[in-house]
């Protein structure tokens, strides 16, 4: 393809990427380095028959003029990244110097909002992604072995979790694990503890959110792997059967290597998606037990006092976190590509 032809071919895509990806990221990074202006205060002395009193009030005109002159706010550099709501450098240093053991340090570190959110985000991501891939592959293998008259019905029911809106599905499961719901009532009955409540326990709430995340996302992996199984060369399976390979050995040495590019694809998508876990926390009303980076952004942007700079800083750190998570998979993919090219 000639350079001129390629330029005009790529131009619409490049403009769309510049407009909807690059510019928003630059805007967010810029906003994260500016903090809102503080109100301009003025001290007024009011004297009356009973003496003089000093009052401090906000000079609305001066404050408005300052904000109009510098709409982004005052430049603070990386201070927002290092404050207590984010990396909390000063607080972490103090905790480290006052802690007598690693266990005590990490327990206290969990009290800081950013590290508490990061703890749940990483736990959720690293548990759900492998299980989503595993369950998706098992479902795909099971459906692929069914009779052709049953496949359509089973595929339809297998896709239902993905069809349900995430927030609606989370709300349904949240009601079900309530002490009056079918799952919550059953757990209370089996445990013999009438005071047991999944909603009041942080570990149980984490487990509930993780189970829902797997249930909701496994159909995506199933669809991808099922499509990949349709391209599996039958001669390789037949050769493995002739050599006496068992069903498990066929899956391990023939099916899984054939599906590895799709495993990489699902891993990339789910790592990005699950690192931004949000709907589950809102649907389960689990803010007291589990928060994520996306929830911190939502919390900063909500309410009457919108903390745009804080939300922007958390967004940048989320982008960096996603890039770090994806880097091993991308490096491996690049090495495999270079190896096949040579």
Protein backbone atom coordinates (compact mmCIF):
# COMPACT_ATOMS: atom_id res chain seq x y z
CA UNK A 1 0.00 0.00 0.00
CA UNK A 2 1.36 3.40 -0.95
CA UNK A 3 2.10 5.93 1.77
CA UNK A 4 -0.48 8.39 0.46
CA UNK A 5 -3.17 5.69 0.27
CA UNK A 6 -2.32 4.48 3.76
CA UNK A 7 -2.48 8.04 5.11
CA UNK A 8 -6.01 8.64 3.86
CA UNK A 9 -7.04 5.15 4.95
CA UNK A 10 -5.75 5.68 8.50
CA UNK A 11 -6.79 9.33 8.84
CA UNK A 12 -10.38 8.76 10.13
CA UNK A 13 -9.19 6.20 12.70
CA UNK A 14 -6.30 8.41 13.75
CA UNK A 15 -8.55 11.43 14.22
CA UNK A 16 -11.02 9.39 16.25
CA UNK A 17 -8.21 8.08 18.49
CA UNK A 18 -6.85 11.59 18.92
CA UNK A 19 -10.26 13.05 19.74
CA UNK A 20 -11.69 10.34 21.99
CA UNK A 21 -8.58 8.79 23.56
CA UNK A 22 -5.50 11.01 23.48
CA UNK A 23 -7.15 14.36 24.23
CA UNK A 24 -9.25 13.10 27.19
CA UNK A 25 -6.15 11.49 28.71
CA UNK A 26 -4.15 14.71 28.31
CA UNK A 27 -7.04 16.65 29.85
CA UNK A 28 -7.26 14.30 32.84
CA UNK A 29 -3.49 14.39 33.42
CA UNK A 30 -3.54 18.20 33.27
CA UNK A 31 -6.49 18.49 35.67
CA UNK A 32 -4.77 16.19 38.17
CA UNK A 33 -1.98 18.76 38.60
CA UNK A 34 -4.28 21.64 39.50
CA UNK A 35 -6.22 22.05 42.73
CA UNK A 36 -9.28 24.27 43.20
CA UNK A 37 -8.63 27.78 44.43
CA UNK A 38 -9.22 28.37 48.09
CA UNK A 39 -11.86 30.91 49.02
CA UNK A 40 -10.57 34.44 49.56
CA UNK A 41 -11.26 35.36 53.17
CA UNK A 42 -11.48 38.84 54.58
CA UNK A 43 -11.64 39.98 58.16
CA UNK A 44 -14.17 42.66 59.01
CA UNK A 45 -14.43 44.45 62.34
CA UNK A 46 -17.97 45.40 63.30
CA UNK A 47 -18.36 47.86 66.15
CA UNK A 48 -21.55 48.44 68.05
CA UNK A 49 -22.83 49.78 71.38
CA UNK A 50 -21.47 46.77 73.21
CA UNK A 51 -18.02 46.74 71.65
CA UNK A 52 -16.33 45.53 68.51
CA UNK A 53 -16.40 42.03 67.03
CA UNK A 54 -14.16 40.58 64.37
CA UNK A 55 -15.80 38.42 61.70
CA UNK A 56 -14.19 36.44 58.90
CA UNK A 57 -16.23 36.16 55.74
CA UNK A 58 -15.70 34.92 52.21
CA UNK A 59 -15.10 37.62 49.65
CA UNK A 60 -17.31 36.29 46.87
CA UNK A 61 -16.18 38.82 44.27
CA UNK A 62 -12.47 38.23 44.83
CA UNK A 63 -12.97 34.46 44.87
CA UNK A 64 -14.95 34.56 41.66
CA UNK A 65 -12.39 36.81 39.98
CA UNK A 66 -9.57 34.46 40.99
CA UNK A 67 -11.39 31.43 39.61
CA UNK A 68 -12.24 33.24 36.38
CA UNK A 69 -8.61 34.25 35.91
CA UNK A 70 -7.33 30.69 36.48
CA UNK A 71 -10.19 28.28 35.67
CA UNK A 72 -8.03 25.18 36.08
CA UNK A 73 -7.14 26.19 39.63
CA UNK A 74 -3.78 26.60 41.26
CA UNK A 75 -0.89 24.48 40.03
CA UNK A 76 0.20 21.92 42.65
CA UNK A 77 2.20 19.49 40.52
CA UNK A 78 2.14 15.97 41.94
CA UNK A 79 0.93 16.99 45.41
CA UNK A 80 -2.51 15.44 44.86
CA UNK A 81 -0.92 12.08 44.02
CA UNK A 82 0.99 12.13 47.30
CA UNK A 83 -1.81 13.34 49.61
CA UNK A 84 -3.71 11.17 52.09
CA UNK A 85 -6.46 10.35 49.61
CA UNK A 86 -4.02 8.72 47.17
CA UNK A 87 -0.47 7.44 47.72
CA UNK A 88 -0.33 9.01 51.21
CA UNK A 89 3.46 9.16 51.22
CA UNK A 90 3.75 10.91 54.59
CA UNK A 91 1.24 8.60 56.26
CA UNK A 92 2.86 5.45 54.85
CA UNK A 93 6.28 6.61 56.03
CA UNK A 94 4.88 7.23 59.50
CA UNK A 95 3.17 3.84 59.59
CA UNK A 96 6.37 2.12 58.52
CA UNK A 97 8.43 3.80 61.23
CA UNK A 98 5.85 3.03 63.94
CA UNK A 99 5.03 -0.56 62.94
CA UNK A 100 6.75 -3.42 64.68
CA UNK A 101 6.01 -6.06 62.02
CA UNK A 102 5.02 -6.39 58.38
CA UNK A 103 1.61 -7.70 59.41
CA UNK A 104 0.87 -4.68 61.54
CA UNK A 105 2.08 -2.35 58.80
CA UNK A 106 -0.19 -3.87 56.15
CA UNK A 107 -3.15 -3.94 58.55
CA UNK A 108 -2.81 -0.22 59.16
CA UNK A 109 -2.10 0.44 55.51
CA UNK A 110 -5.56 -0.93 54.74
CA UNK A 111 -7.09 1.99 56.64
CA UNK A 112 -5.90 4.44 53.98
CA UNK A 113 -8.56 4.84 51.24
CA UNK A 114 -6.34 4.34 48.18
CA UNK A 115 -4.61 1.22 49.51
CA UNK A 116 -7.91 -0.23 50.75
CA UNK A 117 -9.38 0.24 47.28
CA UNK A 118 -6.26 -1.14 45.59
CA UNK A 119 -6.32 -4.20 47.84
CA UNK A 120 -9.84 -5.15 46.81
CA UNK A 121 -9.25 -4.23 43.15
CA UNK A 122 -6.19 -6.46 42.81
CA UNK A 123 -7.78 -9.31 44.78
CA UNK A 124 -10.89 -9.17 42.62
CA UNK A 125 -8.88 -9.01 39.38
CA UNK A 126 -6.37 -11.78 40.12
CA UNK A 127 -9.05 -14.19 41.37
CA UNK A 128 -11.76 -13.60 38.79
CA UNK A 129 -9.68 -13.52 35.59
CA UNK A 130 -8.19 -17.06 35.86
CA UNK A 131 -11.51 -18.50 37.01
CA UNK A 132 -13.39 -16.77 34.19
CA UNK A 133 -10.97 -18.28 31.67
CA UNK A 134 -11.20 -21.71 33.30
CA UNK A 135 -15.00 -21.80 33.58
CA UNK A 136 -15.41 -20.35 30.09
CA UNK A 137 -13.20 -23.08 28.63
CA UNK A 138 -15.03 -25.83 30.55
CA UNK A 139 -18.42 -24.58 29.37
CA UNK A 140 -17.19 -24.31 25.78
CA UNK A 141 -15.83 -27.86 25.84
CA UNK A 142 -19.04 -29.18 27.40
CA UNK A 143 -21.31 -27.43 24.89
CA UNK A 144 -19.11 -28.45 21.97
CA UNK A 145 -19.54 -32.12 22.92
CA UNK A 146 -23.36 -31.93 23.06
CA UNK A 147 -25.70 -33.16 20.38
CA UNK A 148 -26.37 -30.49 17.78
CA UNK A 149 -30.08 -30.35 18.68
CA UNK A 150 -29.21 -29.39 22.27
CA UNK A 151 -26.46 -26.87 21.56
CA UNK A 152 -28.73 -23.95 20.70
CA UNK A 153 -30.77 -24.22 23.91
CA UNK A 154 -27.71 -24.65 26.12
CA UNK A 155 -25.90 -21.73 24.45
CA UNK A 156 -28.95 -19.50 25.03
CA UNK A 157 -29.06 -20.23 28.77
CA UNK A 158 -25.27 -19.97 29.03
CA UNK A 159 -25.39 -16.42 27.66
CA UNK A 160 -28.09 -15.17 30.04
CA UNK A 161 -25.64 -13.87 32.70
CA UNK A 162 -23.94 -11.69 30.07
CA UNK A 163 -27.27 -10.39 28.76
CA UNK A 164 -28.35 -9.12 32.19
CA UNK A 165 -27.22 -5.56 32.90
CA UNK A 166 -24.36 -5.73 35.48
CA UNK A 167 -26.00 -3.38 37.98
CA UNK A 168 -29.33 -5.22 37.72
CA UNK A 169 -27.70 -8.61 38.14
CA UNK A 170 -25.76 -7.36 41.17
CA UNK A 171 -28.96 -6.01 42.74
CA UNK A 172 -30.76 -9.32 42.20
CA UNK A 173 -27.96 -11.30 43.83
CA UNK A 174 -27.76 -8.70 46.61
CA UNK A 175 -31.42 -9.28 47.43
CA UNK A 176 -30.92 -13.05 47.25
CA UNK A 177 -28.09 -13.02 49.83
CA UNK A 178 -30.16 -10.92 52.21
CA UNK A 179 -31.19 -12.76 55.38
CA UNK A 180 -34.72 -12.82 53.97
CA UNK A 181 -33.56 -13.95 50.51
CA UNK A 182 -33.33 -17.54 49.35
CA UNK A 183 -29.51 -17.76 49.46
CA UNK A 184 -29.09 -15.81 52.69
CA UNK A 185 -31.85 -17.79 54.41
CA UNK A 186 -30.28 -21.08 53.29
CA UNK A 187 -26.82 -20.08 54.57
CA UNK A 188 -28.25 -19.03 57.92
CA UNK A 189 -30.13 -22.34 58.15
CA UNK A 190 -27.06 -24.42 57.27
CA UNK A 191 -24.75 -22.52 59.62
CA UNK A 192 -27.18 -22.66 62.53
CA UNK A 193 -26.33 -19.05 63.39
CA UNK A 194 -29.40 -16.79 63.14
CA UNK A 195 -27.17 -13.72 63.48
CA UNK A 196 -25.05 -14.60 60.42
CA UNK A 197 -25.31 -11.97 57.69
CA UNK A 198 -23.37 -11.87 54.44
CA UNK A 199 -23.91 -8.13 54.25
CA UNK A 200 -22.26 -7.54 57.64
CA UNK A 201 -19.13 -9.59 56.94
CA UNK A 202 -16.31 -8.16 54.86
CA UNK A 203 -14.85 -11.55 53.76
CA UNK A 204 -18.31 -12.89 52.83
CA UNK A 205 -19.11 -9.71 50.94
CA UNK A 206 -15.85 -9.99 49.01
CA UNK A 207 -16.63 -13.61 48.17
CA UNK A 208 -20.14 -12.67 47.02
CA UNK A 209 -18.84 -9.93 44.71
CA UNK A 210 -16.16 -12.21 43.27
CA UNK A 211 -18.68 -15.00 42.63
CA UNK A 212 -20.97 -12.55 40.87
CA UNK A 213 -18.08 -11.22 38.77
CA UNK A 214 -17.23 -14.75 37.61
CA UNK A 215 -20.89 -15.60 36.93
CA UNK A 216 -21.40 -12.45 34.88
CA UNK A 217 -18.20 -12.62 32.80
CA UNK A 218 -17.76 -16.36 32.20
CA UNK A 219 -20.19 -16.33 29.21
CA UNK A 220 -17.89 -13.92 27.38
CA UNK A 221 -14.98 -16.34 27.68
CA UNK A 222 -17.31 -19.19 26.71
CA UNK A 223 -18.38 -17.48 23.47
CA UNK A 224 -14.78 -16.73 22.48
CA UNK A 225 -13.52 -20.25 23.24
CA UNK A 226 -16.54 -21.92 21.63
CA UNK A 227 -15.88 -19.98 18.43
CA UNK A 228 -12.24 -21.04 18.59
CA UNK A 229 -13.21 -24.69 18.97
CA UNK A 230 -15.04 -24.53 15.67
CA UNK A 231 -11.70 -23.85 13.94
CA UNK A 232 -9.90 -26.75 15.66
CA UNK A 233 -8.40 -29.04 12.96
CA UNK A 234 -10.13 -32.42 13.19
CA UNK A 235 -7.09 -34.24 11.83
CA UNK A 236 -5.09 -33.27 14.93
CA UNK A 237 -7.78 -34.67 17.24
CA UNK A 238 -8.05 -37.82 15.15
CA UNK A 239 -4.27 -38.25 15.20
CA UNK A 240 -4.24 -37.86 18.98
CA UNK A 241 -7.02 -40.44 19.30
CA UNK A 242 -5.13 -42.89 17.11
CA UNK A 243 -2.05 -42.42 19.28
CA UNK A 244 -4.17 -43.39 22.30
CA UNK A 245 -4.42 -39.96 23.92
CA UNK A 246 -7.09 -39.62 26.58
CA UNK A 247 -9.69 -36.88 26.55
CA UNK A 248 -7.68 -34.88 29.10
CA UNK A 249 -4.48 -35.29 27.09
CA UNK A 250 -6.24 -34.14 23.91
CA UNK A 251 -7.40 -31.00 25.70
CA UNK A 252 -3.98 -30.33 27.20
CA UNK A 253 -1.78 -30.95 24.16
CA UNK A 254 -4.09 -30.13 21.25
CA UNK A 255 -7.05 -27.95 22.27
CA UNK A 256 -5.35 -25.58 24.74
CA UNK A 257 -2.35 -24.76 22.46
CA UNK A 258 -4.79 -24.08 19.63
CA UNK A 259 -6.79 -21.70 21.86
CA UNK A 260 -3.81 -19.89 23.43
CA UNK A 261 -4.19 -16.75 21.24
CA UNK A 262 -7.81 -16.55 22.41
CA UNK A 263 -6.74 -17.08 26.02
CA UNK A 264 -4.43 -14.09 25.62
CA UNK A 265 -7.26 -12.05 24.11
CA UNK A 266 -9.69 -12.90 26.92
CA UNK A 267 -6.99 -12.17 29.52
CA UNK A 268 -6.37 -8.70 28.06
CA UNK A 269 -10.06 -7.82 27.95
CA UNK A 270 -10.89 -9.15 31.41
CA UNK A 271 -7.82 -7.64 33.07
CA UNK A 272 -8.85 -4.21 31.81
CA UNK A 273 -12.51 -4.76 32.62
CA UNK A 274 -12.13 -6.26 36.10
CA UNK A 275 -9.50 -3.75 37.21
CA UNK A 276 -12.25 -1.14 36.73
CA UNK A 277 -14.72 -3.03 38.95
CA UNK A 278 -17.54 -0.67 39.89
CA UNK A 279 -21.09 -1.92 39.19
CA UNK A 280 -20.75 -4.81 41.62
CA UNK A 281 -19.81 -2.53 44.50
CA UNK A 282 -22.73 -0.18 43.83
CA UNK A 283 -25.19 -3.01 43.24
CA UNK A 284 -24.19 -4.82 46.43
CA UNK A 285 -24.11 -1.54 48.36
CA UNK A 286 -20.73 -2.75 49.62
CA UNK A 287 -18.93 0.56 50.10
CA UNK A 288 -18.41 -0.20 53.79
CA UNK A 289 -16.64 -3.49 52.97
CA UNK A 290 -15.12 -3.06 49.50
CA UNK A 291 -14.12 -0.08 47.42
CA UNK A 292 -12.24 0.11 44.14
CA UNK A 293 -10.38 2.78 42.22
CA UNK A 294 -13.41 3.33 39.99
CA UNK A 295 -15.62 3.74 43.04
CA UNK A 296 -13.22 6.38 44.44
CA UNK A 297 -13.53 8.30 41.17
CA UNK A 298 -17.32 8.05 41.32
CA UNK A 299 -17.32 9.18 44.96
CA UNK A 300 -15.08 12.18 44.21
CA UNK A 301 -17.26 13.27 41.31
CA UNK A 302 -20.53 12.93 43.22
CA UNK A 303 -22.08 15.10 45.87
CA UNK A 304 -22.18 18.87 46.17
CA UNK A 305 -18.41 19.32 46.54
CA UNK A 306 -17.04 17.70 43.40
CA UNK A 307 -13.35 16.92 43.77
CA UNK A 308 -12.40 16.99 40.10
CA UNK A 309 -8.66 17.09 40.69
CA UNK A 310 -8.77 14.13 43.05
CA UNK A 311 -10.90 12.14 40.59
CA UNK A 312 -8.48 13.03 37.78
CA UNK A 313 -5.48 11.84 39.80
CA UNK A 314 -7.20 8.53 40.60
CA UNK A 315 -8.09 8.14 36.91
CA UNK A 316 -4.46 8.59 35.90
CA UNK A 317 -3.37 6.04 38.49
CA UNK A 318 -6.02 3.64 37.19
CA UNK A 319 -4.64 4.01 33.65
CA UNK A 320 -1.14 3.33 34.95
CA UNK A 321 -2.38 0.29 36.88
CA UNK A 322 -4.07 -1.16 33.80
CA UNK A 323 -0.91 -0.59 31.75
CA UNK A 324 1.20 -2.41 34.37
CA UNK A 325 -1.22 -5.34 34.45
CA UNK A 326 -1.32 -5.66 30.68
CA UNK A 327 2.43 -5.31 30.11
CA UNK A 328 3.37 -9.00 30.84
CA UNK A 329 0.65 -10.27 28.50
CA UNK A 330 1.59 -7.80 25.78
CA UNK A 331 5.30 -8.62 26.09
CA UNK A 332 4.58 -12.34 25.80
CA UNK A 333 2.34 -11.75 22.78
CA UNK A 334 5.03 -9.68 21.10
CA UNK A 335 7.66 -12.37 21.74
CA UNK A 336 5.39 -15.06 20.31
CA UNK A 337 4.77 -12.90 17.26
CA UNK A 338 8.48 -12.28 16.73
CA UNK A 339 9.17 -15.99 17.17
CA UNK A 340 6.63 -16.95 14.51
CA UNK A 341 7.96 -14.24 12.20
CA UNK A 342 11.47 -15.71 12.36
